[in-house]
Amino acid sequence: MDGIKYAVFTDKSILFGYLGIIKYTSNAESESTRAEIKHWVELFFGVKVIAMNSHRIPRKGRRMGPILGHTMHYRRMIITLQSSYSILLH
């Protein structure tokens, strides 16, 4: 379960909840594969995953004085569950 970082609440992901669409959005490690994350979600939460969409979030440049750096590189996962399952988020 180390690959999944945290749940992401954007305008679009909140709209899915209001419309009754069972989709959850989370950030994951960029090295994790879709099959690994699907297995972790089904095992940890006890749900059945129908589909998964993913994309890599572009890195943003950061500067601390003369040193240039970048933010962490994550993969955003949009997970669709069967209609009889749900995940409780606190």
PDB file of N, CA and C in Angstrom:
ATOM      1  N   MET A   1       0.831  -1.201   0.000  1.00  0.00           N
ATOM      2  CA  MET A   1       0.000   0.000   0.000  1.00  0.00           C
ATOM      3  C   MET A   1       0.864   1.249   0.000  1.00  0.00           C
ATOM      4  N   ASP A   2       2.174   1.083  -0.074  1.00  0.00           N
ATOM      5  CA  ASP A   2       3.069   2.238  -0.062  1.00  0.00           C
ATOM      6  C   ASP A   2       2.967   3.061  -1.336  1.00  0.00           C
ATOM      7  N   GLY A   3       2.494   2.476  -2.420  1.00  0.00           N
ATOM      8  CA  GLY A   3       2.444   3.171  -3.699  1.00  0.00           C
ATOM      9  C   GLY A   3       1.384   4.244  -3.775  1.00  0.00           C
ATOM     10  N   ILE A   4       0.284   4.092  -3.047  1.00  0.00           N
ATOM     11  CA  ILE A   4      -0.784   5.088  -3.068  1.00  0.00           C
ATOM     12  C   ILE A   4      -0.479   6.140  -2.002  1.00  0.00           C
ATOM     13  N   LYS A   5      -0.383   7.400  -2.429  1.00  0.00           N
ATOM     14  CA  LYS A   5      -0.003   8.471  -1.510  1.00  0.00           C
ATOM     15  C   LYS A   5      -1.200   9.016  -0.731  1.00  0.00           C
ATOM     16  N   TYR A   6      -2.133   9.625  -1.433  1.00  0.00           N
ATOM     17  CA  TYR A   6      -3.270  10.254  -0.762  1.00  0.00           C
ATOM     18  C   TYR A   6      -4.389  10.505  -1.758  1.00  0.00           C
ATOM     19  N   ALA A   7      -5.580  10.709  -1.230  1.00  0.00           N
ATOM     20  CA  ALA A   7      -6.746  11.017  -2.073  1.00  0.00           C
ATOM     21  C   ALA A   7      -6.671  12.467  -2.526  1.00  0.00           C
ATOM     22  N   VAL A   8      -7.171  12.715  -3.717  1.00  0.00           N
ATOM     23  CA  VAL A   8      -7.153  14.057  -4.295  1.00  0.00           C
ATOM     24  C   VAL A   8      -8.592  14.510  -4.485  1.00  0.00           C
ATOM     25  N   PHE A   9      -8.897  15.712  -4.007  1.00  0.00           N
ATOM     26  CA  PHE A   9     -10.240  16.259  -4.140  1.00  0.00           C
ATOM     27  C   PHE A   9     -10.170  17.494  -5.030  1.00  0.00           C
ATOM     28  N   THR A  10     -10.551  17.318  -6.291  1.00  0.00           N
ATOM     29  CA  THR A  10     -10.608  18.416  -7.233  1.00  0.00           C
ATOM     30  C   THR A  10     -12.079  18.706  -7.526  1.00  0.00           C
ATOM     31  N   ASP A  11     -12.334  19.771  -8.280  1.00  0.00           N
ATOM     32  CA  ASP A  11     -13.709  20.107  -8.637  1.00  0.00           C
ATOM     33  C   ASP A  11     -14.375  18.972  -9.400  1.00  0.00           C
ATOM     34  N   LYS A  12     -13.627  18.365 -10.320  1.00  0.00           N
ATOM     35  CA  LYS A  12     -14.187  17.290 -11.133  1.00  0.00           C
ATOM     36  C   LYS A  12     -14.458  16.042 -10.298  1.00  0.00           C
ATOM     37  N   SER A  13     -13.557  15.708  -9.363  1.00  0.00           N
ATOM     38  CA  SER A  13     -13.771  14.507  -8.550  1.00  0.00           C
ATOM     39  C   SER A  13     -14.925  14.697  -7.566  1.00  0.00           C
ATOM     40  N   ILE A  14     -15.125  15.890  -7.072  1.00  0.00           N
ATOM     41  CA  ILE A  14     -16.262  16.166  -6.187  1.00  0.00           C
ATOM     42  C   ILE A  14     -17.572  16.122  -6.968  1.00  0.00           C
ATOM     43  N   LEU A  15     -17.545  16.588  -8.228  1.00  0.00           N
ATOM     44  CA  LEU A  15     -18.729  16.553  -9.079  1.00  0.00           C
ATOM     45  C   LEU A  15     -19.171  15.118  -9.355  1.00  0.00           C
ATOM     46  N   PHE A  16     -18.214  14.188  -9.494  1.00  0.00           N
ATOM     47  CA  PHE A  16     -18.565  12.778  -9.674  1.00  0.00           C
ATOM     48  C   PHE A  16     -19.414  12.279  -8.508  1.00  0.00           C
ATOM     49  N   GLY A  17     -19.060  12.680  -7.290  1.00  0.00           N
ATOM     50  CA  GLY A  17     -19.818  12.255  -6.115  1.00  0.00           C
ATOM     51  C   GLY A  17     -21.239  12.778  -6.115  1.00  0.00           C
ATOM     52  N   TYR A  18     -21.426  14.033  -6.523  1.00  0.00           N
ATOM     53  CA  TYR A  18     -22.767  14.605  -6.569  1.00  0.00           C
ATOM     54  C   TYR A  18     -23.631  13.951  -7.652  1.00  0.00           C
ATOM     55  N   LEU A  19     -23.005  13.533  -8.746  1.00  0.00           N
ATOM     56  CA  LEU A  19     -23.754  12.927  -9.837  1.00  0.00           C
ATOM     57  C   LEU A  19     -24.010  11.440  -9.613  1.00  0.00           C
ATOM     58  N   GLY A  20     -23.446  10.871  -8.561  1.00  0.00           N
ATOM     59  CA  GLY A  20     -23.654   9.466  -8.258  1.00  0.00           C
ATOM     60  C   GLY A  20     -22.724   8.531  -9.010  1.00  0.00           C
ATOM     61  N   ILE A  21     -21.690   9.082  -9.641  1.00  0.00           N
ATOM     62  CA  ILE A  21     -20.715   8.260 -10.353  1.00  0.00           C
ATOM     63  C   ILE A  21     -19.675   7.799  -9.336  1.00  0.00           C
ATOM     64  N   ILE A  22     -19.383   6.515  -9.327  1.00  0.00           N
ATOM     65  CA  ILE A  22     -18.498   5.958  -8.305  1.00  0.00           C
ATOM     66  C   ILE A  22     -17.065   5.969  -8.827  1.00  0.00           C
ATOM     67  N   LYS A  23     -16.416   7.147  -8.742  1.00  0.00           N
ATOM     68  CA  LYS A  23     -15.029   7.310  -9.156  1.00  0.00           C
ATOM     69  C   LYS A  23     -14.267   7.959  -8.012  1.00  0.00           C
ATOM     70  N   TYR A  24     -13.046   7.504  -7.799  1.00  0.00           N
ATOM     71  CA  TYR A  24     -12.184   8.047  -6.757  1.00  0.00           C
ATOM     72  C   TYR A  24     -10.853   8.440  -7.375  1.00  0.00           C
ATOM     73  N   THR A  25     -10.301   9.547  -6.918  1.00  0.00           N
ATOM     74  CA  THR A  25      -9.053  10.070  -7.461  1.00  0.00           C
ATOM     75  C   THR A  25      -7.996  10.064  -6.377  1.00  0.00           C
ATOM     76  N   SER A  26      -6.799   9.595  -6.720  1.00  0.00           N
ATOM     77  CA  SER A  26      -5.701   9.588  -5.766  1.00  0.00           C
ATOM     78  C   SER A  26      -4.382   9.736  -6.499  1.00  0.00           C
ATOM     79  N   ASN A  27      -3.359  10.163  -5.782  1.00  0.00           N
ATOM     80  CA  ASN A  27      -2.010  10.231  -6.318  1.00  0.00           C
ATOM     81  C   ASN A  27      -1.262   8.982  -5.902  1.00  0.00           C
ATOM     82  N   ALA A  28      -0.392   8.517  -6.783  1.00  0.00           N
ATOM     83  CA  ALA A  28       0.393   7.318  -6.524  1.00  0.00           C
ATOM     84  C   ALA A  28       1.838   7.577  -6.942  1.00  0.00           C
ATOM     85  N   GLU A  29       2.720   6.704  -6.513  1.00  0.00           N
ATOM     86  CA  GLU A  29       4.118   6.784  -6.926  1.00  0.00           C
ATOM     87  C   GLU A  29       4.200   6.646  -8.439  1.00  0.00           C
ATOM     88  N   SER A  30       5.126   7.361  -9.065  1.00  0.00           N
ATOM     89  CA  SER A  30       5.225   7.304 -10.522  1.00  0.00           C
ATOM     90  C   SER A  30       5.779   5.965 -10.998  1.00  0.00           C
ATOM     91  N   GLU A  31       6.495   5.227 -10.130  1.00  0.00           N
ATOM     92  CA  GLU A  31       7.041   3.934 -10.524  1.00  0.00           C
ATOM     93  C   GLU A  31       6.010   2.812 -10.428  1.00  0.00           C
ATOM     94  N   SER A  32       4.901   3.034  -9.736  1.00  0.00           N
ATOM     95  CA  SER A  32       3.875   2.002  -9.568  1.00  0.00           C
ATOM     96  C   SER A  32       3.131   1.784 -10.878  1.00  0.00           C
ATOM     97  N   THR A  33       2.819   0.533 -11.160  1.00  0.00           N
ATOM     98  CA  THR A  33       2.062   0.230 -12.370  1.00  0.00           C
ATOM     99  C   THR A  33       0.567   0.221 -12.068  1.00  0.00           C
ATOM    100  N   ARG A  34      -0.230   0.249 -13.123  1.00  0.00           N
ATOM    101  CA  ARG A  34      -1.678   0.244 -12.940  1.00  0.00           C
ATOM    102  C   ARG A  34      -2.145  -1.059 -12.316  1.00  0.00           C
ATOM    103  N   ALA A  35      -1.540  -2.168 -12.695  1.00  0.00           N
ATOM    104  CA  ALA A  35      -1.938  -3.473 -12.146  1.00  0.00           C
ATOM    105  C   ALA A  35      -1.641  -3.542 -10.645  1.00  0.00           C
ATOM    106  N   GLU A  36      -0.499  -3.001 -10.213  1.00  0.00           N
ATOM    107  CA  GLU A  36      -0.159  -2.990  -8.785  1.00  0.00           C
ATOM    108  C   GLU A  36      -1.163  -2.170  -7.998  1.00  0.00           C
ATOM    109  N   ILE A  37      -1.496  -0.998  -8.490  1.00  0.00           N
ATOM    110  CA  ILE A  37      -2.412  -0.115  -7.765  1.00  0.00           C
ATOM    111  C   ILE A  37      -3.807  -0.714  -7.728  1.00  0.00           C
ATOM    112  N   LYS A  38      -4.246  -1.340  -8.816  1.00  0.00           N
ATOM    113  CA  LYS A  38      -5.554  -2.001  -8.824  1.00  0.00           C
ATOM    114  C   LYS A  38      -5.582  -3.111  -7.782  1.00  0.00           C
ATOM    115  N   HIS A  39      -4.524  -3.887  -7.705  1.00  0.00           N
ATOM    116  CA  HIS A  39      -4.436  -4.971  -6.720  1.00  0.00           C
ATOM    117  C   HIS A  39      -4.465  -4.409  -5.293  1.00  0.00           C
ATOM    118  N   TRP A  40      -3.728  -3.329  -5.039  1.00  0.00           N
ATOM    119  CA  TRP A  40      -3.703  -2.726  -3.701  1.00  0.00           C
ATOM    120  C   TRP A  40      -5.077  -2.208  -3.295  1.00  0.00           C
ATOM    121  N   VAL A  41      -5.774  -1.537  -4.214  1.00  0.00           N
ATOM    122  CA  VAL A  41      -7.089  -0.975  -3.894  1.00  0.00           C
ATOM    123  C   VAL A  41      -8.081  -2.096  -3.605  1.00  0.00           C
ATOM    124  N   GLU A  42      -8.102  -3.135  -4.442  1.00  0.00           N
ATOM    125  CA  GLU A  42      -9.035  -4.238  -4.220  1.00  0.00           C
ATOM    126  C   GLU A  42      -8.726  -4.986  -2.932  1.00  0.00           C
ATOM    127  N   LEU A  43      -7.458  -5.158  -2.611  1.00  0.00           N
ATOM    128  CA  LEU A  43      -7.064  -5.890  -1.411  1.00  0.00           C
ATOM    129  C   LEU A  43      -7.310  -5.078  -0.144  1.00  0.00           C
ATOM    130  N   PHE A  44      -6.903  -3.824  -0.136  1.00  0.00           N
ATOM    131  CA  PHE A  44      -6.974  -3.002   1.065  1.00  0.00           C
ATOM    132  C   PHE A  44      -8.392  -2.558   1.399  1.00  0.00           C
ATOM    133  N   PHE A  45      -9.163  -2.111   0.381  1.00  0.00           N
ATOM    134  CA  PHE A  45     -10.505  -1.588   0.622  1.00  0.00           C
ATOM    135  C   PHE A  45     -11.594  -2.632   0.436  1.00  0.00           C
ATOM    136  N   GLY A  46     -11.293  -3.781  -0.150  1.00  0.00           N
ATOM    137  CA  GLY A  46     -12.290  -4.826  -0.350  1.00  0.00           C
ATOM    138  C   GLY A  46     -13.348  -4.453  -1.363  1.00  0.00           C
ATOM    139  N   VAL A  47     -12.950  -3.818  -2.464  1.00  0.00           N
ATOM    140  CA  VAL A  47     -13.885  -3.385  -3.498  1.00  0.00           C
ATOM    141  C   VAL A  47     -13.504  -4.052  -4.815  1.00  0.00           C
ATOM    142  N   LYS A  48     -14.376  -3.910  -5.818  1.00  0.00           N
ATOM    143  CA  LYS A  48     -14.122  -4.443  -7.155  1.00  0.00           C
ATOM    144  C   LYS A  48     -13.921  -3.277  -8.113  1.00  0.00           C
ATOM    145  N   VAL A  49     -12.736  -3.189  -8.715  1.00  0.00           N
ATOM    146  CA  VAL A  49     -12.394  -2.105  -9.629  1.00  0.00           C
ATOM    147  C   VAL A  49     -12.797  -2.496 -11.047  1.00  0.00           C
ATOM    148  N   ILE A  50     -13.586  -1.632 -11.698  1.00  0.00           N
ATOM    149  CA  ILE A  50     -13.999  -1.858 -13.086  1.00  0.00           C
ATOM    150  C   ILE A  50     -12.940  -1.307 -14.040  1.00  0.00           C
ATOM    151  N   ALA A  51     -12.552  -0.046 -13.839  1.00  0.00           N
ATOM    152  CA  ALA A  51     -11.625   0.609 -14.765  1.00  0.00           C
ATOM    153  C   ALA A  51     -10.712   1.553 -14.002  1.00  0.00           C
ATOM    154  N   MET A  52      -9.555   1.795 -14.594  1.00  0.00           N
ATOM    155  CA  MET A  52      -8.601   2.744 -14.030  1.00  0.00           C
ATOM    156  C   MET A  52      -8.050   3.600 -15.152  1.00  0.00           C
ATOM    157  N   ASN A  53      -8.001   4.889 -14.928  1.00  0.00           N
ATOM    158  CA  ASN A  53      -7.358   5.821 -15.843  1.00  0.00           C
ATOM    159  C   ASN A  53      -6.223   6.479 -15.075  1.00  0.00           C
ATOM    160  N   SER A  54      -5.148   6.765 -15.761  1.00  0.00           N
ATOM    161  CA  SER A  54      -4.022   7.388 -15.077  1.00  0.00           C
ATOM    162  C   SER A  54      -3.313   8.355 -16.008  1.00  0.00           C
ATOM    163  N   HIS A  55      -2.692   9.349 -15.414  1.00  0.00           N
ATOM    164  CA  HIS A  55      -1.821  10.255 -16.152  1.00  0.00           C
ATOM    165  C   HIS A  55      -0.766  10.792 -15.200  1.00  0.00           C
ATOM    166  N   ARG A  56       0.351  11.166 -15.755  1.00  0.00           N
ATOM    167  CA  ARG A  56       1.437  11.715 -14.941  1.00  0.00           C
ATOM    168  C   ARG A  56       1.267  13.213 -14.844  1.00  0.00           C
ATOM    169  N   ILE A  57       1.377  13.715 -13.641  1.00  0.00           N
ATOM    170  CA  ILE A  57       1.231  15.137 -13.397  1.00  0.00           C
ATOM    171  C   ILE A  57       2.547  15.817 -13.755  1.00  0.00           C
ATOM    172  N   PRO A  58       2.519  16.923 -14.525  1.00  0.00           N
ATOM    173  CA  PRO A  58       3.766  17.576 -14.889  1.00  0.00           C
ATOM    174  C   PRO A  58       4.477  18.155 -13.667  1.00  0.00           C
ATOM    175  N   ARG A  59       5.805  18.069 -13.686  1.00  0.00           N
ATOM    176  CA  ARG A  59       6.599  18.585 -12.579  1.00  0.00           C
ATOM    177  C   ARG A  59       6.668  20.102 -12.659  1.00  0.00           C
ATOM    178  N   LYS A  60       6.691  20.745 -11.509  1.00  0.00           N
ATOM    179  CA  LYS A  60       6.796  22.191 -11.444  1.00  0.00           C
ATOM    180  C   LYS A  60       8.194  22.555 -10.956  1.00  0.00           C
ATOM    181  N   GLY A  61       8.749  23.601 -11.524  1.00  0.00           N
ATOM    182  CA  GLY A  61      10.065  24.046 -11.119  1.00  0.00           C
ATOM    183  C   GLY A  61      10.008  24.830  -9.818  1.00  0.00           C
ATOM    184  N   ARG A  62      10.979  24.621  -8.969  1.00  0.00           N
ATOM    185  CA  ARG A  62      11.079  25.346  -7.703  1.00  0.00           C
ATOM    186  C   ARG A  62      12.480  25.929  -7.579  1.00  0.00           C
ATOM    187  N   ARG A  63      12.588  27.090  -6.966  1.00  0.00           N
ATOM    188  CA  ARG A  63      13.879  27.730  -6.762  1.00  0.00           C
ATOM    189  C   ARG A  63      14.060  28.050  -5.287  1.00  0.00           C
ATOM    190  N   MET A  64      15.224  27.683  -4.771  1.00  0.00           N
ATOM    191  CA  MET A  64      15.612  28.071  -3.417  1.00  0.00           C
ATOM    192  C   MET A  64      16.948  28.780  -3.528  1.00  0.00           C
ATOM    193  N   GLY A  65      16.910  30.104  -3.666  1.00  0.00           N
ATOM    194  CA  GLY A  65      18.135  30.863  -3.901  1.00  0.00           C
ATOM    195  C   GLY A  65      18.671  30.550  -5.288  1.00  0.00           C
ATOM    196  N   PRO A  66      19.942  30.232  -5.381  1.00  0.00           N
ATOM    197  CA  PRO A  66      20.517  29.939  -6.703  1.00  0.00           C
ATOM    198  C   PRO A  66      20.269  28.504  -7.179  1.00  0.00           C
ATOM    199  N   ILE A  67      19.673  27.665  -6.345  1.00  0.00           N
ATOM    200  CA  ILE A  67      19.491  26.253  -6.665  1.00  0.00           C
ATOM    201  C   ILE A  67      18.124  26.042  -7.312  1.00  0.00           C
ATOM    202  N   LEU A  68      18.127  25.384  -8.472  1.00  0.00           N
ATOM    203  CA  LEU A  68      16.889  25.035  -9.160  1.00  0.00           C
ATOM    204  C   LEU A  68      16.525  23.596  -8.828  1.00  0.00           C
ATOM    205  N   GLY A  69      15.230  23.342  -8.653  1.00  0.00           N
ATOM    206  CA  GLY A  69      14.769  21.989  -8.367  1.00  0.00           C
ATOM    207  C   GLY A  69      13.389  21.768  -8.948  1.00  0.00           C
ATOM    208  N   HIS A  70      12.824  20.601  -8.665  1.00  0.00           N
ATOM    209  CA  HIS A  70      11.495  20.250  -9.147  1.00  0.00           C
ATOM    210  C   HIS A  70      10.692  19.639  -8.012  1.00  0.00           C
ATOM    211  N   THR A  71       9.371  19.680  -8.170  1.00  0.00           N
ATOM    212  CA  THR A  71       8.497  19.020  -7.218  1.00  0.00           C
ATOM    213  C   THR A  71       8.535  17.522  -7.463  1.00  0.00           C
ATOM    214  N   MET A  72       7.941  16.747  -6.562  1.00  0.00           N
ATOM    215  CA  MET A  72       7.910  15.295  -6.710  1.00  0.00           C
ATOM    216  C   MET A  72       7.062  14.917  -7.921  1.00  0.00           C
ATOM    217  N   HIS A  73       7.400  13.803  -8.524  1.00  0.00           N
ATOM    218  CA  HIS A  73       6.693  13.319  -9.714  1.00  0.00           C
ATOM    219  C   HIS A  73       5.679  12.257  -9.284  1.00  0.00           C
ATOM    220  N   TYR A  74       4.408  12.510  -9.543  1.00  0.00           N
ATOM    221  CA  TYR A  74       3.342  11.589  -9.166  1.00  0.00           C
ATOM    222  C   TYR A  74       2.546  11.155 -10.370  1.00  0.00           C
ATOM    223  N   ARG A  75       1.783  10.103 -10.187  1.00  0.00           N
ATOM    224  CA  ARG A  75       0.829   9.614 -11.176  1.00  0.00           C
ATOM    225  C   ARG A  75      -0.561   9.779 -10.564  1.00  0.00           C
ATOM    226  N   ARG A  76      -1.478  10.396 -11.297  1.00  0.00           N
ATOM    227  CA  ARG A  76      -2.847  10.574 -10.819  1.00  0.00           C
ATOM    228  C   ARG A  76      -3.690   9.429 -11.314  1.00  0.00           C
ATOM    229  N   MET A  77      -4.368   8.733 -10.385  1.00  0.00           N
ATOM    230  CA  MET A  77      -5.187   7.571 -10.714  1.00  0.00           C
ATOM    231  C   MET A  77      -6.663   7.927 -10.528  1.00  0.00           C
ATOM    232  N   ILE A  78      -7.477   7.625 -11.512  1.00  0.00           N
ATOM    233  CA  ILE A  78      -8.930   7.775 -11.413  1.00  0.00           C
ATOM    234  C   ILE A  78      -9.499   6.365 -11.464  1.00  0.00           C
ATOM    235  N   ILE A  79     -10.061   5.927 -10.341  1.00  0.00           N
ATOM    236  CA  ILE A  79     -10.486   4.542 -10.167  1.00  0.00           C
ATOM    237  C   ILE A  79     -12.006   4.484 -10.202  1.00  0.00           C
ATOM    238  N   THR A  80     -12.569   3.636 -11.060  1.00  0.00           N
ATOM    239  CA  THR A  80     -14.014   3.442 -11.167  1.00  0.00           C
ATOM    240  C   THR A  80     -14.372   2.106 -10.532  1.00  0.00           C
ATOM    241  N   LEU A  81     -15.337   2.123  -9.614  1.00  0.00           N
ATOM    242  CA  LEU A  81     -15.753   0.914  -8.909  1.00  0.00           C
ATOM    243  C   LEU A  81     -17.090   0.417  -9.444  1.00  0.00           C
ATOM    244  N   GLN A  82     -17.408  -0.847  -9.127  1.00  0.00           N
ATOM    245  CA  GLN A  82     -18.734  -1.379  -9.447  1.00  0.00           C
ATOM    246  C   GLN A  82     -19.777  -0.614  -8.639  1.00  0.00           C
ATOM    247  N   SER A  83     -21.007  -0.622  -9.100  1.00  0.00           N
ATOM    248  CA  SER A  83     -22.050   0.194  -8.483  1.00  0.00           C
ATOM    249  C   SER A  83     -22.386  -0.239  -7.060  1.00  0.00           C
ATOM    250  N   SER A  84     -22.116  -1.467  -6.684  1.00  0.00           N
ATOM    251  CA  SER A  84     -22.461  -1.925  -5.338  1.00  0.00           C
ATOM    252  C   SER A  84     -21.367  -1.652  -4.305  1.00  0.00           C
ATOM    253  N   TYR A  85     -20.235  -1.111  -4.728  1.00  0.00           N
ATOM    254  CA  TYR A  85     -19.115  -0.850  -3.812  1.00  0.00           C
ATOM    255  C   TYR A  85     -18.882   0.642  -3.640  1.00  0.00           C
ATOM    256  N   SER A  86     -18.286   1.003  -2.518  1.00  0.00           N
ATOM    257  CA  SER A  86     -17.864   2.382  -2.266  1.00  0.00           C
ATOM    258  C   SER A  86     -16.733   2.378  -1.263  1.00  0.00           C
ATOM    259  N   ILE A  87     -16.004   3.471  -1.211  1.00  0.00           N
ATOM    260  CA  ILE A  87     -14.900   3.648  -0.266  1.00  0.00           C
ATOM    261  C   ILE A  87     -15.247   4.796   0.658  1.00  0.00           C
ATOM    262  N   LEU A  88     -15.127   4.606   1.946  1.00  0.00           N
ATOM    263  CA  LEU A  88     -15.383   5.677   2.900  1.00  0.00           C
ATOM    264  C   LEU A  88     -14.112   6.490   3.079  1.00  0.00           C
ATOM    265  N   LEU A  89     -14.176   7.778   2.770  1.00  0.00           N
ATOM    266  CA  LEU A  89     -13.036   8.676   2.924  1.00  0.00           C
ATOM    267  C   LEU A  89     -13.321   9.616   4.082  1.00  0.00           C
ATOM    268  N   HIS A  90     -12.351   9.755   4.954  1.00  0.00           N
ATOM    269  CA  HIS A  90     -12.524  10.646   6.108  1.00  0.00           C
ATOM    270  C   HIS A  90     -11.834  11.947   5.886  1.00  0.00           C
TER     271      HIS A  90
END
